[in-house]
């Protein structure tokens, strides 16, 4: 586990909270992950727990 932490990078994920077709809020998450895809997957799991399956949309992921 320690070896993987050395290779982790910080990513910023911007997402939108939706109500129907309307954008209610836009916010960002800071996530540590090994790569871009892993950061998106971690963010997706966090947001799914918080907002449910279809109430958010990830706009972009970038390395910070």
N, C-alpha and C. Protein backbone atom coordinates (compact mmCIF):
# COMPACT_ATOMS: atom_id res chain seq x y z
N UNK A 1 0.83 -1.21 0.00
CA UNK A 1 0.00 0.00 0.00
C UNK A 1 0.86 1.26 0.00
N UNK A 2 1.97 1.24 0.76
CA UNK A 2 2.83 2.41 0.82
C UNK A 2 3.43 2.76 -0.53
N UNK A 3 3.72 1.76 -1.33
CA UNK A 3 4.30 2.00 -2.65
C UNK A 3 3.32 2.74 -3.55
N UNK A 4 2.04 2.39 -3.47
CA UNK A 4 1.04 3.05 -4.30
C UNK A 4 0.83 4.50 -3.90
N UNK A 5 0.93 4.80 -2.62
CA UNK A 5 0.77 6.18 -2.16
C UNK A 5 1.87 7.08 -2.71
N UNK A 6 3.06 6.55 -2.91
CA UNK A 6 4.14 7.35 -3.47
C UNK A 6 3.84 7.77 -4.91
N UNK A 7 3.06 6.97 -5.61
CA UNK A 7 2.76 7.23 -7.00
C UNK A 7 1.44 7.98 -7.19
N UNK A 8 0.71 8.22 -6.13
CA UNK A 8 -0.56 8.93 -6.24
C UNK A 8 -0.33 10.41 -6.54
N UNK A 9 -1.25 10.96 -7.30
CA UNK A 9 -1.19 12.37 -7.65
C UNK A 9 -2.50 13.02 -7.23
N UNK A 10 -2.49 14.34 -7.10
CA UNK A 10 -3.70 15.08 -6.75
C UNK A 10 -4.45 15.45 -8.02
N UNK A 11 -5.76 15.22 -8.00
CA UNK A 11 -6.63 15.58 -9.12
C UNK A 11 -7.79 16.42 -8.62
N UNK A 12 -8.24 17.34 -9.45
CA UNK A 12 -9.43 18.13 -9.17
C UNK A 12 -10.52 17.67 -10.12
N UNK A 13 -11.70 17.39 -9.57
CA UNK A 13 -12.83 16.92 -10.36
C UNK A 13 -13.95 17.95 -10.22
N UNK A 14 -14.40 18.51 -11.33
CA UNK A 14 -15.53 19.44 -11.29
C UNK A 14 -16.79 18.70 -11.71
N UNK A 15 -17.86 18.91 -10.95
CA UNK A 15 -19.12 18.23 -11.24
C UNK A 15 -20.29 19.19 -11.10
N UNK A 16 -21.40 18.81 -11.73
CA UNK A 16 -22.65 19.58 -11.65
C UNK A 16 -23.70 18.73 -10.96
N UNK A 17 -24.48 19.36 -10.08
CA UNK A 17 -25.61 18.70 -9.45
C UNK A 17 -26.85 19.08 -10.26
N UNK A 18 -27.62 18.07 -10.65
CA UNK A 18 -28.77 18.29 -11.53
C UNK A 18 -30.07 18.01 -10.79
N UNK A 19 -31.10 18.76 -11.18
CA UNK A 19 -32.47 18.47 -10.75
C UNK A 19 -33.31 18.47 -12.02
N UNK A 20 -33.63 17.29 -12.51
CA UNK A 20 -34.24 17.19 -13.84
C UNK A 20 -33.20 17.56 -14.87
N UNK A 21 -33.50 18.50 -15.74
CA UNK A 21 -32.53 18.99 -16.73
C UNK A 21 -31.83 20.26 -16.28
N UNK A 22 -32.18 20.75 -15.09
CA UNK A 22 -31.66 22.02 -14.61
C UNK A 22 -30.42 21.80 -13.73
N UNK A 23 -29.39 22.61 -13.95
CA UNK A 23 -28.17 22.58 -13.13
C UNK A 23 -28.44 23.39 -11.87
N UNK A 24 -28.35 22.72 -10.72
CA UNK A 24 -28.63 23.35 -9.44
C UNK A 24 -27.36 23.91 -8.81
N UNK A 25 -26.24 23.21 -8.97
CA UNK A 25 -25.00 23.60 -8.31
C UNK A 25 -23.81 23.05 -9.09
N UNK A 26 -22.68 23.73 -9.00
CA UNK A 26 -21.43 23.25 -9.57
C UNK A 26 -20.39 23.32 -8.46
N UNK A 27 -19.61 22.25 -8.31
CA UNK A 27 -18.62 22.20 -7.23
C UNK A 27 -17.43 21.36 -7.68
N UNK A 28 -16.40 21.30 -6.83
CA UNK A 28 -15.19 20.55 -7.15
C UNK A 28 -14.80 19.65 -5.98
N UNK A 29 -14.19 18.53 -6.32
CA UNK A 29 -13.62 17.59 -5.34
C UNK A 29 -12.12 17.51 -5.57
N UNK A 30 -11.36 17.37 -4.51
CA UNK A 30 -9.92 17.10 -4.62
C UNK A 30 -9.72 15.64 -4.25
N UNK A 31 -9.06 14.89 -5.14
CA UNK A 31 -8.91 13.45 -4.98
C UNK A 31 -7.46 13.05 -5.24
N UNK A 32 -6.97 12.09 -4.45
CA UNK A 32 -5.65 11.50 -4.71
C UNK A 32 -5.86 10.17 -5.39
N UNK A 33 -5.21 9.99 -6.53
CA UNK A 33 -5.34 8.75 -7.29
C UNK A 33 -4.10 8.54 -8.13
N UNK A 34 -3.96 7.34 -8.65
CA UNK A 34 -2.80 6.99 -9.46
C UNK A 34 -2.82 7.59 -10.85
N UNK A 35 -4.02 7.73 -11.42
CA UNK A 35 -4.13 8.31 -12.76
C UNK A 35 -5.51 8.95 -12.95
N UNK A 36 -5.69 9.54 -14.12
CA UNK A 36 -6.90 10.28 -14.47
C UNK A 36 -8.15 9.40 -14.35
N UNK A 37 -8.08 8.18 -14.88
CA UNK A 37 -9.23 7.27 -14.87
C UNK A 37 -9.60 6.86 -13.45
N UNK A 38 -8.61 6.58 -12.63
CA UNK A 38 -8.86 6.20 -11.24
C UNK A 38 -9.47 7.37 -10.47
N UNK A 39 -9.03 8.59 -10.76
CA UNK A 39 -9.61 9.78 -10.10
C UNK A 39 -11.07 9.94 -10.47
N UNK A 40 -11.40 9.75 -11.75
CA UNK A 40 -12.79 9.85 -12.19
C UNK A 40 -13.66 8.78 -11.53
N UNK A 41 -13.12 7.57 -11.42
CA UNK A 41 -13.87 6.47 -10.81
C UNK A 41 -14.11 6.72 -9.32
N UNK A 42 -13.08 7.21 -8.61
CA UNK A 42 -13.23 7.54 -7.19
C UNK A 42 -14.28 8.63 -7.01
N UNK A 43 -14.21 9.67 -7.84
CA UNK A 43 -15.18 10.76 -7.76
C UNK A 43 -16.59 10.25 -8.05
N UNK A 44 -16.73 9.38 -9.03
CA UNK A 44 -18.02 8.82 -9.37
C UNK A 44 -18.61 8.05 -8.19
N UNK A 45 -17.79 7.25 -7.50
CA UNK A 45 -18.27 6.51 -6.33
C UNK A 45 -18.69 7.44 -5.21
N UNK A 46 -17.91 8.48 -4.95
CA UNK A 46 -18.24 9.44 -3.89
C UNK A 46 -19.55 10.16 -4.22
N UNK A 47 -19.67 10.63 -5.46
CA UNK A 47 -20.86 11.39 -5.85
C UNK A 47 -22.10 10.51 -5.90
N UNK A 48 -21.94 9.25 -6.30
CA UNK A 48 -23.08 8.34 -6.35
C UNK A 48 -23.63 8.10 -4.96
N UNK A 49 -22.75 7.97 -3.96
CA UNK A 49 -23.19 7.80 -2.57
C UNK A 49 -23.91 9.04 -2.07
N UNK A 50 -23.44 10.21 -2.47
CA UNK A 50 -24.00 11.46 -1.96
C UNK A 50 -25.27 11.89 -2.69
N UNK A 51 -25.32 11.73 -4.01
CA UNK A 51 -26.42 12.29 -4.80
C UNK A 51 -27.30 11.26 -5.49
N UNK A 52 -26.94 10.02 -5.49
CA UNK A 52 -27.70 9.03 -6.25
C UNK A 52 -27.14 8.91 -7.66
N UNK A 53 -27.69 7.98 -8.42
CA UNK A 53 -27.09 7.61 -9.70
C UNK A 53 -27.16 8.70 -10.77
N UNK A 54 -28.27 9.40 -10.89
CA UNK A 54 -28.45 10.29 -12.05
C UNK A 54 -28.56 11.77 -11.69
N UNK A 55 -28.21 12.15 -10.48
CA UNK A 55 -28.40 13.53 -10.07
C UNK A 55 -27.13 14.37 -10.15
N UNK A 56 -26.11 13.90 -10.83
CA UNK A 56 -24.87 14.66 -10.99
C UNK A 56 -24.24 14.31 -12.33
N UNK A 57 -23.32 15.19 -12.76
CA UNK A 57 -22.57 14.94 -13.99
C UNK A 57 -21.15 15.45 -13.78
N UNK A 58 -20.16 14.60 -14.02
CA UNK A 58 -18.76 15.01 -13.91
C UNK A 58 -18.42 15.78 -15.18
N UNK A 59 -17.97 17.03 -15.01
CA UNK A 59 -17.62 17.87 -16.16
C UNK A 59 -16.19 17.60 -16.64
N UNK A 60 -15.23 17.64 -15.71
CA UNK A 60 -13.84 17.42 -16.09
C UNK A 60 -13.02 16.97 -14.90
N UNK A 61 -11.86 16.37 -15.23
CA UNK A 61 -10.87 15.94 -14.24
C UNK A 61 -9.53 16.48 -14.70
N UNK A 62 -8.81 17.13 -13.81
CA UNK A 62 -7.47 17.62 -14.18
C UNK A 62 -6.52 17.42 -13.02
N UNK A 63 -5.26 17.28 -13.35
CA UNK A 63 -4.23 17.12 -12.34
C UNK A 63 -3.94 18.47 -11.70
N UNK A 64 -3.91 18.49 -10.37
CA UNK A 64 -3.65 19.77 -9.70
C UNK A 64 -2.28 19.83 -9.06
